[in-house]
């Protein structure tokens, strides 16, 4: 919820009705989210499965600039981390109603 919530008009998080109503479940400070992982996990693959890594989709210079900005923001917030995995899926930017861009990952080939 915090990653996608966009507050407008100078509204503060603590002024939102849902936050006031359920204040016991909302942390006061979200700068340390996500928390450190206590457990590393693995996904069991079907025997004989080989890694899938697709070619990135073409993007314009302005899209690449926006992608870099969004990835840096996600890295800073620790929602994502660098990876050297042989598995990979292409990303694309989709324009939202307000004109901003949403980062999407195309996992279709990985989910076959």
N, C-alpha and C. Protein backbone atom coordinates (compact mmCIF):
# COMPACT_ATOMS: atom_id res chain seq x y z
N UNK A 1 0.82 -1.19 0.00
CA UNK A 1 0.00 0.00 0.00
C UNK A 1 0.86 1.26 0.00
N UNK A 2 1.93 1.25 0.77
CA UNK A 2 2.76 2.45 0.84
C UNK A 2 3.48 2.72 -0.47
N UNK A 3 3.84 1.67 -1.19
CA UNK A 3 4.58 1.85 -2.43
C UNK A 3 3.74 2.51 -3.51
N UNK A 4 2.41 2.29 -3.48
CA UNK A 4 1.57 2.82 -4.54
C UNK A 4 0.71 4.00 -4.11
N UNK A 5 0.75 4.34 -2.84
CA UNK A 5 -0.08 5.43 -2.34
C UNK A 5 0.50 6.77 -2.73
N UNK A 6 -0.32 7.59 -3.37
CA UNK A 6 0.13 8.92 -3.78
C UNK A 6 -0.75 9.93 -3.07
N UNK A 7 -0.19 10.64 -2.12
CA UNK A 7 -0.94 11.62 -1.36
C UNK A 7 -0.97 12.94 -2.11
N UNK A 8 -2.14 13.56 -2.17
CA UNK A 8 -2.28 14.81 -2.90
C UNK A 8 -2.76 15.91 -1.97
N UNK A 9 -2.50 17.13 -2.37
CA UNK A 9 -2.99 18.29 -1.63
C UNK A 9 -2.37 18.47 -0.27
N UNK A 10 -1.15 17.99 -0.07
CA UNK A 10 -0.48 18.17 1.21
C UNK A 10 -1.04 17.30 2.33
N UNK A 11 -1.85 16.28 1.98
CA UNK A 11 -2.41 15.39 2.98
C UNK A 11 -1.29 14.54 3.56
N UNK A 12 -1.27 14.41 4.87
CA UNK A 12 -0.26 13.59 5.53
C UNK A 12 -0.81 12.19 5.74
N UNK A 13 0.10 11.22 5.80
CA UNK A 13 -0.29 9.82 5.96
C UNK A 13 -1.20 9.64 7.18
N UNK A 14 -0.85 10.29 8.29
CA UNK A 14 -1.63 10.11 9.53
C UNK A 14 -3.01 10.76 9.48
N UNK A 15 -3.30 11.54 8.43
CA UNK A 15 -4.61 12.17 8.29
C UNK A 15 -5.59 11.30 7.51
N UNK A 16 -5.12 10.23 6.89
CA UNK A 16 -5.99 9.35 6.12
C UNK A 16 -6.89 8.56 7.05
N UNK A 17 -8.15 8.42 6.68
CA UNK A 17 -9.14 7.74 7.51
C UNK A 17 -8.71 6.32 7.85
N UNK A 18 -8.26 5.57 6.86
CA UNK A 18 -7.89 4.17 7.10
C UNK A 18 -6.69 4.08 8.04
N UNK A 19 -5.77 5.02 7.96
CA UNK A 19 -4.61 5.02 8.85
C UNK A 19 -5.04 5.35 10.27
N UNK A 20 -5.95 6.32 10.41
CA UNK A 20 -6.46 6.68 11.75
C UNK A 20 -7.24 5.53 12.36
N UNK A 21 -8.07 4.90 11.54
CA UNK A 21 -8.94 3.84 12.03
C UNK A 21 -8.15 2.60 12.45
N UNK A 22 -7.06 2.32 11.75
CA UNK A 22 -6.26 1.13 12.05
C UNK A 22 -4.82 1.52 12.39
N UNK A 23 -4.67 2.52 13.24
CA UNK A 23 -3.34 3.04 13.57
C UNK A 23 -2.42 1.99 14.19
N UNK A 24 -3.01 0.97 14.81
CA UNK A 24 -2.18 -0.06 15.45
C UNK A 24 -1.44 -0.94 14.44
N UNK A 25 -1.87 -0.96 13.18
CA UNK A 25 -1.21 -1.80 12.18
C UNK A 25 -0.30 -1.02 11.24
N UNK A 26 -0.35 0.32 11.30
CA UNK A 26 0.50 1.15 10.46
C UNK A 26 1.70 1.64 11.25
N UNK A 27 2.91 1.35 10.76
CA UNK A 27 4.08 1.84 11.47
C UNK A 27 4.20 3.35 11.33
N UNK A 28 4.77 3.99 12.32
CA UNK A 28 4.95 5.44 12.26
C UNK A 28 5.97 5.85 11.22
N UNK A 29 6.98 5.02 11.03
CA UNK A 29 8.05 5.33 10.08
C UNK A 29 8.21 4.15 9.14
N UNK A 30 8.11 4.40 7.84
CA UNK A 30 8.24 3.32 6.86
C UNK A 30 9.58 3.34 6.13
N UNK A 31 10.51 4.16 6.60
CA UNK A 31 11.79 4.28 5.91
C UNK A 31 12.62 3.00 5.98
N UNK A 32 12.33 2.13 6.94
CA UNK A 32 13.10 0.89 7.05
C UNK A 32 12.38 -0.30 6.42
N UNK A 33 11.36 -0.05 5.61
CA UNK A 33 10.68 -1.13 4.92
C UNK A 33 11.33 -1.37 3.58
N UNK A 34 11.36 -2.56 3.07
CA UNK A 34 10.93 -3.78 3.73
C UNK A 34 11.96 -4.21 4.78
N UNK A 35 11.53 -4.99 5.76
CA UNK A 35 12.46 -5.43 6.81
C UNK A 35 13.48 -6.41 6.25
N UNK A 36 14.56 -6.59 6.98
CA UNK A 36 15.57 -7.58 6.59
C UNK A 36 14.90 -8.95 6.50
N UNK A 37 15.30 -9.70 5.51
CA UNK A 37 14.74 -11.05 5.35
C UNK A 37 15.40 -11.98 6.36
N UNK A 38 14.57 -12.68 7.13
CA UNK A 38 15.10 -13.62 8.11
C UNK A 38 15.40 -14.96 7.46
N UNK A 39 14.78 -15.20 6.31
CA UNK A 39 14.89 -16.50 5.68
C UNK A 39 15.10 -16.32 4.19
N UNK A 40 16.13 -16.94 3.67
CA UNK A 40 16.32 -16.98 2.23
C UNK A 40 15.57 -18.20 1.73
N UNK A 41 15.01 -18.11 0.55
CA UNK A 41 14.23 -19.23 0.04
C UNK A 41 14.63 -19.53 -1.39
N UNK A 42 14.21 -20.70 -1.84
CA UNK A 42 14.48 -21.12 -3.21
C UNK A 42 13.18 -21.64 -3.82
N UNK A 43 13.10 -21.59 -5.12
CA UNK A 43 11.93 -22.10 -5.83
C UNK A 43 12.34 -23.40 -6.49
N UNK A 44 11.63 -24.48 -6.17
CA UNK A 44 11.93 -25.78 -6.79
C UNK A 44 11.44 -25.76 -8.24
N UNK A 45 12.32 -26.12 -9.15
CA UNK A 45 11.99 -26.11 -10.57
C UNK A 45 11.69 -27.51 -11.07
N UNK A 46 10.95 -27.57 -12.15
CA UNK A 46 10.69 -28.85 -12.81
C UNK A 46 12.02 -29.33 -13.38
N UNK A 47 12.38 -30.59 -13.15
CA UNK A 47 13.66 -31.10 -13.67
C UNK A 47 13.80 -30.85 -15.17
N UNK A 48 15.00 -30.45 -15.58
CA UNK A 48 15.25 -30.18 -17.00
C UNK A 48 14.94 -28.76 -17.43
N UNK A 49 14.41 -27.96 -16.52
CA UNK A 49 14.09 -26.57 -16.85
C UNK A 49 15.38 -25.76 -16.94
N UNK A 50 15.48 -24.97 -17.99
CA UNK A 50 16.66 -24.11 -18.12
C UNK A 50 16.23 -22.66 -17.94
N UNK A 51 17.15 -21.81 -17.50
CA UNK A 51 16.81 -20.41 -17.26
C UNK A 51 16.27 -19.70 -18.50
N UNK A 52 15.32 -18.83 -18.27
CA UNK A 52 14.74 -18.01 -19.34
C UNK A 52 15.16 -16.58 -19.08
N UNK A 53 15.76 -15.97 -20.08
CA UNK A 53 16.13 -14.57 -20.00
C UNK A 53 15.82 -13.94 -21.35
N UNK A 54 14.89 -13.02 -21.36
CA UNK A 54 14.44 -12.43 -22.62
C UNK A 54 15.16 -11.12 -22.91
N UNK A 55 15.21 -10.79 -24.18
CA UNK A 55 15.77 -9.52 -24.62
C UNK A 55 14.90 -8.38 -24.09
N UNK A 56 15.50 -7.32 -23.58
CA UNK A 56 14.70 -6.19 -23.10
C UNK A 56 13.88 -5.56 -24.24
N UNK A 57 12.72 -5.03 -23.89
CA UNK A 57 11.91 -4.31 -24.87
C UNK A 57 12.59 -2.99 -25.21
N UNK A 58 12.42 -2.55 -26.45
CA UNK A 58 12.99 -1.26 -26.85
C UNK A 58 12.25 -0.14 -26.14
N UNK A 59 13.01 0.88 -25.73
CA UNK A 59 12.43 2.05 -25.07
C UNK A 59 13.03 3.31 -25.66
N UNK A 60 12.25 4.37 -25.62
CA UNK A 60 12.75 5.67 -26.07
C UNK A 60 13.71 6.22 -25.01
N UNK A 61 14.42 7.27 -25.37
CA UNK A 61 15.36 7.89 -24.43
C UNK A 61 14.62 8.39 -23.18
N UNK A 62 13.44 8.97 -23.37
CA UNK A 62 12.68 9.48 -22.21
C UNK A 62 12.19 8.32 -21.33
N UNK A 63 11.82 7.19 -21.95
CA UNK A 63 11.40 6.02 -21.17
C UNK A 63 12.58 5.45 -20.40
N UNK A 64 13.75 5.39 -21.02
CA UNK A 64 14.94 4.89 -20.32
C UNK A 64 15.29 5.78 -19.13
N UNK A 65 15.13 7.08 -19.29
CA UNK A 65 15.39 8.02 -18.20
C UNK A 65 14.41 7.77 -17.05
N UNK A 66 13.13 7.59 -17.37
CA UNK A 66 12.10 7.32 -16.35
C UNK A 66 12.37 5.97 -15.68
N UNK A 67 12.74 4.96 -16.47
CA UNK A 67 13.04 3.64 -15.92
C UNK A 67 14.19 3.73 -14.92
N UNK A 68 15.25 4.43 -15.30
CA UNK A 68 16.40 4.59 -14.40
C UNK A 68 15.98 5.27 -13.10
N UNK A 69 15.15 6.31 -13.21
CA UNK A 69 14.68 7.04 -12.02
C UNK A 69 13.87 6.12 -11.11
N UNK A 70 12.95 5.35 -11.70
CA UNK A 70 12.12 4.46 -10.88
C UNK A 70 12.94 3.35 -10.24
N UNK A 71 13.89 2.78 -10.99
CA UNK A 71 14.73 1.72 -10.42
C UNK A 71 15.61 2.24 -9.29
N UNK A 72 16.17 3.42 -9.46
CA UNK A 72 16.98 4.02 -8.39
C UNK A 72 16.14 4.25 -7.14
N UNK A 73 14.90 4.70 -7.33
CA UNK A 73 14.00 4.93 -6.20
C UNK A 73 13.68 3.61 -5.49
N UNK A 74 13.40 2.55 -6.25
CA UNK A 74 13.10 1.25 -5.66
C UNK A 74 14.32 0.67 -4.94
N UNK A 75 15.50 0.85 -5.51
CA UNK A 75 16.73 0.40 -4.85
C UNK A 75 16.95 1.14 -3.54
N UNK A 76 16.76 2.45 -3.57
CA UNK A 76 16.94 3.27 -2.37
C UNK A 76 15.99 2.84 -1.25
N UNK A 77 14.76 2.49 -1.61
CA UNK A 77 13.76 2.06 -0.63
C UNK A 77 13.93 0.60 -0.25
N UNK A 78 14.87 -0.10 -0.89
CA UNK A 78 15.15 -1.51 -0.66
C UNK A 78 13.97 -2.41 -1.03
N UNK A 79 13.14 -1.97 -1.97
CA UNK A 79 12.07 -2.82 -2.48
C UNK A 79 12.62 -3.81 -3.51
N UNK A 80 13.76 -3.46 -4.11
CA UNK A 80 14.45 -4.36 -5.03
C UNK A 80 15.92 -4.37 -4.64
N UNK A 81 16.65 -5.34 -5.17
CA UNK A 81 18.09 -5.40 -4.92
C UNK A 81 18.77 -5.91 -6.19
N UNK A 82 20.05 -5.59 -6.35
CA UNK A 82 20.77 -6.06 -7.54
C UNK A 82 20.80 -7.59 -7.59
N UNK A 83 20.81 -8.12 -8.80
CA UNK A 83 20.79 -9.56 -8.98
C UNK A 83 21.71 -9.96 -10.13
N UNK A 84 22.29 -11.15 -10.02
CA UNK A 84 23.09 -11.72 -11.10
C UNK A 84 22.46 -13.04 -11.57
N UNK A 85 21.17 -13.18 -11.39
CA UNK A 85 20.46 -14.39 -11.76
C UNK A 85 20.45 -14.60 -13.27
N UNK A 86 20.55 -15.86 -13.72
CA UNK A 86 20.43 -16.12 -15.15
C UNK A 86 18.97 -16.00 -15.64
N UNK A 87 18.04 -15.90 -14.72
CA UNK A 87 16.63 -15.73 -15.06
C UNK A 87 16.34 -14.24 -15.19
N UNK A 88 15.50 -13.89 -16.16
CA UNK A 88 15.18 -12.48 -16.33
C UNK A 88 13.91 -12.28 -17.12
N UNK A 89 13.25 -11.18 -16.87
CA UNK A 89 12.02 -10.82 -17.58
C UNK A 89 12.11 -9.36 -17.99
N UNK A 90 11.58 -9.04 -19.17
CA UNK A 90 11.65 -7.65 -19.63
C UNK A 90 10.69 -6.75 -18.86
N UNK A 91 11.03 -5.47 -18.82
CA UNK A 91 10.16 -4.48 -18.18
C UNK A 91 9.62 -3.53 -19.23
N UNK A 92 8.51 -2.91 -18.91
CA UNK A 92 7.93 -1.89 -19.76
C UNK A 92 7.28 -0.84 -18.89
N UNK A 93 7.09 0.33 -19.46
CA UNK A 93 6.42 1.42 -18.76
C UNK A 93 5.05 1.63 -19.39
N UNK A 94 4.03 1.72 -18.55
CA UNK A 94 2.66 1.92 -19.02
C UNK A 94 2.17 3.24 -18.47
N UNK A 95 1.62 4.06 -19.35
CA UNK A 95 1.14 5.39 -18.94
C UNK A 95 -0.14 5.25 -18.13
N UNK A 96 -0.17 5.91 -16.96
CA UNK A 96 -1.35 5.92 -16.10
C UNK A 96 -2.25 7.08 -16.50
N UNK A 97 -3.48 7.08 -15.97
CA UNK A 97 -4.45 8.13 -16.30
C UNK A 97 -3.92 9.53 -16.01
N UNK A 98 -3.12 9.65 -14.95
CA UNK A 98 -2.61 10.97 -14.58
C UNK A 98 -1.37 11.38 -15.39
N UNK A 99 -0.95 10.53 -16.33
CA UNK A 99 0.19 10.85 -17.18
C UNK A 99 1.51 10.30 -16.70
N UNK A 100 1.58 9.87 -15.44
CA UNK A 100 2.82 9.29 -14.93
C UNK A 100 2.97 7.87 -15.48
N UNK A 101 4.14 7.29 -15.28
CA UNK A 101 4.42 5.97 -15.84
C UNK A 101 4.50 4.91 -14.74
N UNK A 102 3.89 3.76 -15.03
CA UNK A 102 3.93 2.61 -14.11
C UNK A 102 4.93 1.59 -14.64
N UNK A 103 5.83 1.15 -13.79
CA UNK A 103 6.81 0.13 -14.14
C UNK A 103 6.14 -1.24 -14.05
N UNK A 104 6.18 -2.01 -15.13
CA UNK A 104 5.58 -3.34 -15.17
C UNK A 104 6.64 -4.35 -15.61
N UNK A 105 6.55 -5.56 -15.09
CA UNK A 105 7.45 -6.64 -15.47
C UNK A 105 6.64 -7.70 -16.18
N UNK A 106 7.10 -8.14 -17.35
CA UNK A 106 6.39 -9.13 -18.16
C UNK A 106 6.91 -10.53 -17.81
N UNK A 107 6.22 -11.19 -16.89
CA UNK A 107 6.63 -12.51 -16.42
C UNK A 107 6.01 -13.65 -17.22
N UNK A 108 5.34 -13.37 -18.32
CA UNK A 108 4.61 -14.42 -19.05
C UNK A 108 5.49 -15.61 -19.43
N UNK A 109 6.69 -15.38 -19.94
CA UNK A 109 7.56 -16.50 -20.35
C UNK A 109 8.06 -17.29 -19.15
N UNK A 110 8.26 -16.63 -18.02
CA UNK A 110 8.73 -17.33 -16.82
C UNK A 110 7.64 -18.20 -16.21
N UNK A 111 6.39 -17.84 -16.44
CA UNK A 111 5.27 -18.56 -15.82
C UNK A 111 4.72 -19.69 -16.68
N UNK A 112 5.35 -19.99 -17.79
CA UNK A 112 4.85 -21.07 -18.66
C UNK A 112 5.12 -22.43 -18.05
